[in-house]
Amino acid sequence: MTYEDALKELEKIAAALEDKDTALEDAVKLFEKSLELSKFCFEKLKETDGKIVTLKKELDALIETPFDDTKAD
């Protein structure tokens, strides 16, 4: 499942929970599923944030490295 898929599912669950015709037992199951999906999304965001931090550190290291144009000869 992708992050986007999980978000779409969460939107469907939110709509179902807002529906007054949703039975209590179904609402509890939907709520439990929404917690699982929320955790999944949080982990994906945390993972992505870590990748971004790593890439930024690599980019910062490249930028900080002085350019030595004497080696071109």
C-alpha atoms as a PDB file:
ATOM      1  CA  MET A   1       0.000   0.000   0.000  1.00  0.00           C
ATOM      2  CA  THR A   2       1.246   3.479  -0.800  1.00  0.00           C
ATOM      3  CA  TYR A   3       0.908   6.590   1.313  1.00  0.00           C
ATOM      4  CA  GLU A   4      -1.614   7.961  -1.173  1.00  0.00           C
ATOM      5  CA  ASP A   5      -3.702   4.770  -1.030  1.00  0.00           C
ATOM      6  CA  ALA A   6      -3.777   4.956   2.749  1.00  0.00           C
ATOM      7  CA  LEU A   7      -4.914   8.580   2.641  1.00  0.00           C
ATOM      8  CA  LYS A   8      -7.736   7.721   0.242  1.00  0.00           C
ATOM      9  CA  GLU A   9      -8.828   4.909   2.536  1.00  0.00           C
ATOM     10  CA  LEU A  10      -8.738   7.260   5.521  1.00  0.00           C
ATOM     11  CA  GLU A  11     -10.962   9.702   3.628  1.00  0.00           C
ATOM     12  CA  LYS A  12     -13.475   6.919   2.932  1.00  0.00           C
ATOM     13  CA  ILE A  13     -13.414   5.878   6.583  1.00  0.00           C
ATOM     14  CA  ALA A  14     -13.952   9.471   7.719  1.00  0.00           C
ATOM     15  CA  ALA A  15     -16.984   9.751   5.438  1.00  0.00           C
ATOM     16  CA  ALA A  16     -18.375   6.453   6.754  1.00  0.00           C
ATOM     17  CA  LEU A  17     -17.854   7.555  10.359  1.00  0.00           C
ATOM     18  CA  GLU A  18     -19.687  10.811   9.651  1.00  0.00           C
ATOM     19  CA  ASP A  19     -22.629   8.859   8.223  1.00  0.00           C
ATOM     20  CA  LYS A  20     -25.294   8.540  10.911  1.00  0.00           C
ATOM     21  CA  ASP A  21     -26.432   5.233   9.432  1.00  0.00           C
ATOM     22  CA  THR A  22     -23.121   3.480  10.198  1.00  0.00           C
ATOM     23  CA  ALA A  23     -23.726   0.887  12.913  1.00  0.00           C
ATOM     24  CA  LEU A  24     -21.756   1.234  16.129  1.00  0.00           C
ATOM     25  CA  GLU A  25     -19.870  -2.039  15.639  1.00  0.00           C
ATOM     26  CA  ASP A  26     -18.936  -1.023  12.110  1.00  0.00           C
ATOM     27  CA  ALA A  27     -17.851   2.397  13.339  1.00  0.00           C
ATOM     28  CA  VAL A  28     -15.539   0.818  15.915  1.00  0.00           C
ATOM     29  CA  LYS A  29     -13.992  -1.433  13.260  1.00  0.00           C
ATOM     30  CA  LEU A  30     -13.547   1.534  10.943  1.00  0.00           C
ATOM     31  CA  PHE A  31     -11.967   3.532  13.744  1.00  0.00           C
ATOM     32  CA  GLU A  32      -9.509   0.709  14.449  1.00  0.00           C
ATOM     33  CA  LYS A  33      -8.642   0.535  10.755  1.00  0.00           C
ATOM     34  CA  SER A  34      -8.146   4.305  10.689  1.00  0.00           C
ATOM     35  CA  LEU A  35      -5.640   4.019  13.540  1.00  0.00           C
ATOM     36  CA  GLU A  36      -3.667   1.393  11.600  1.00  0.00           C
ATOM     37  CA  LEU A  37      -3.700   3.557   8.474  1.00  0.00           C
ATOM     38  CA  SER A  38      -2.706   6.659  10.440  1.00  0.00           C
ATOM     39  CA  LYS A  39       0.245   4.793  11.930  1.00  0.00           C
ATOM     40  CA  PHE A  40       1.245   3.585   8.452  1.00  0.00           C
ATOM     41  CA  CYS A  41       1.091   7.163   7.095  1.00  0.00           C
ATOM     42  CA  PHE A  42       3.071   8.515  10.035  1.00  0.00           C
ATOM     43  CA  GLU A  43       5.794   5.901   9.513  1.00  0.00           C
ATOM     44  CA  LYS A  44       5.960   6.697   5.785  1.00  0.00           C
ATOM     45  CA  LEU A  45       6.300  10.416   6.529  1.00  0.00           C
ATOM     46  CA  LYS A  46       8.962   9.716   9.136  1.00  0.00           C
ATOM     47  CA  GLU A  47      10.856   7.506   6.665  1.00  0.00           C
ATOM     48  CA  THR A  48      10.609  10.126   3.934  1.00  0.00           C
ATOM     49  CA  ASP A  49      11.748  12.854   6.305  1.00  0.00           C
ATOM     50  CA  GLY A  50      14.815  10.777   7.143  1.00  0.00           C
ATOM     51  CA  LYS A  51      15.643  10.398   3.462  1.00  0.00           C
ATOM     52  CA  ILE A  52      15.266  14.131   2.908  1.00  0.00           C
ATOM     53  CA  VAL A  53      17.555  14.920   5.849  1.00  0.00           C
ATOM     54  CA  THR A  54      20.178  12.495   4.495  1.00  0.00           C
ATOM     55  CA  LEU A  55      19.982  13.983   0.994  1.00  0.00           C
ATOM     56  CA  LYS A  56      20.223  17.507   2.389  1.00  0.00           C
ATOM     57  CA  LYS A  57      23.342  16.565   4.372  1.00  0.00           C
ATOM     58  CA  GLU A  58      24.903  15.115   1.213  1.00  0.00           C
ATOM     59  CA  LEU A  59      24.029  18.255  -0.738  1.00  0.00           C
ATOM     60  CA  ASP A  60      25.398  20.490   2.015  1.00  0.00           C
ATOM     61  CA  ALA A  61      28.654  18.492   1.979  1.00  0.00           C
ATOM     62  CA  LEU A  62      28.945  18.980  -1.795  1.00  0.00           C
ATOM     63  CA  ILE A  63      28.309  22.684  -1.512  1.00  0.00           C
ATOM     64  CA  GLU A  64      30.849  23.098   1.286  1.00  0.00           C
ATOM     65  CA  THR A  65      33.580  21.304  -0.685  1.00  0.00           C
ATOM     66  CA  PRO A  66      35.726  23.969  -2.331  1.00  0.00           C
ATOM     67  CA  PHE A  67      36.060  23.759  -6.085  1.00  0.00           C
ATOM     68  CA  ASP A  68      39.652  23.229  -7.159  1.00  0.00           C
ATOM     69  CA  ASP A  69      39.944  24.256 -10.820  1.00  0.00           C
ATOM     70  CA  THR A  70      43.718  23.617 -10.891  1.00  0.00           C
ATOM     71  CA  LYS A  71      43.119  19.880 -11.351  1.00  0.00           C
ATOM     72  CA  ALA A  72      41.499  20.393 -14.743  1.00  0.00           C
ATOM     73  CA  ASP A  73      44.853  20.723 -16.510  1.00  0.00           C
END
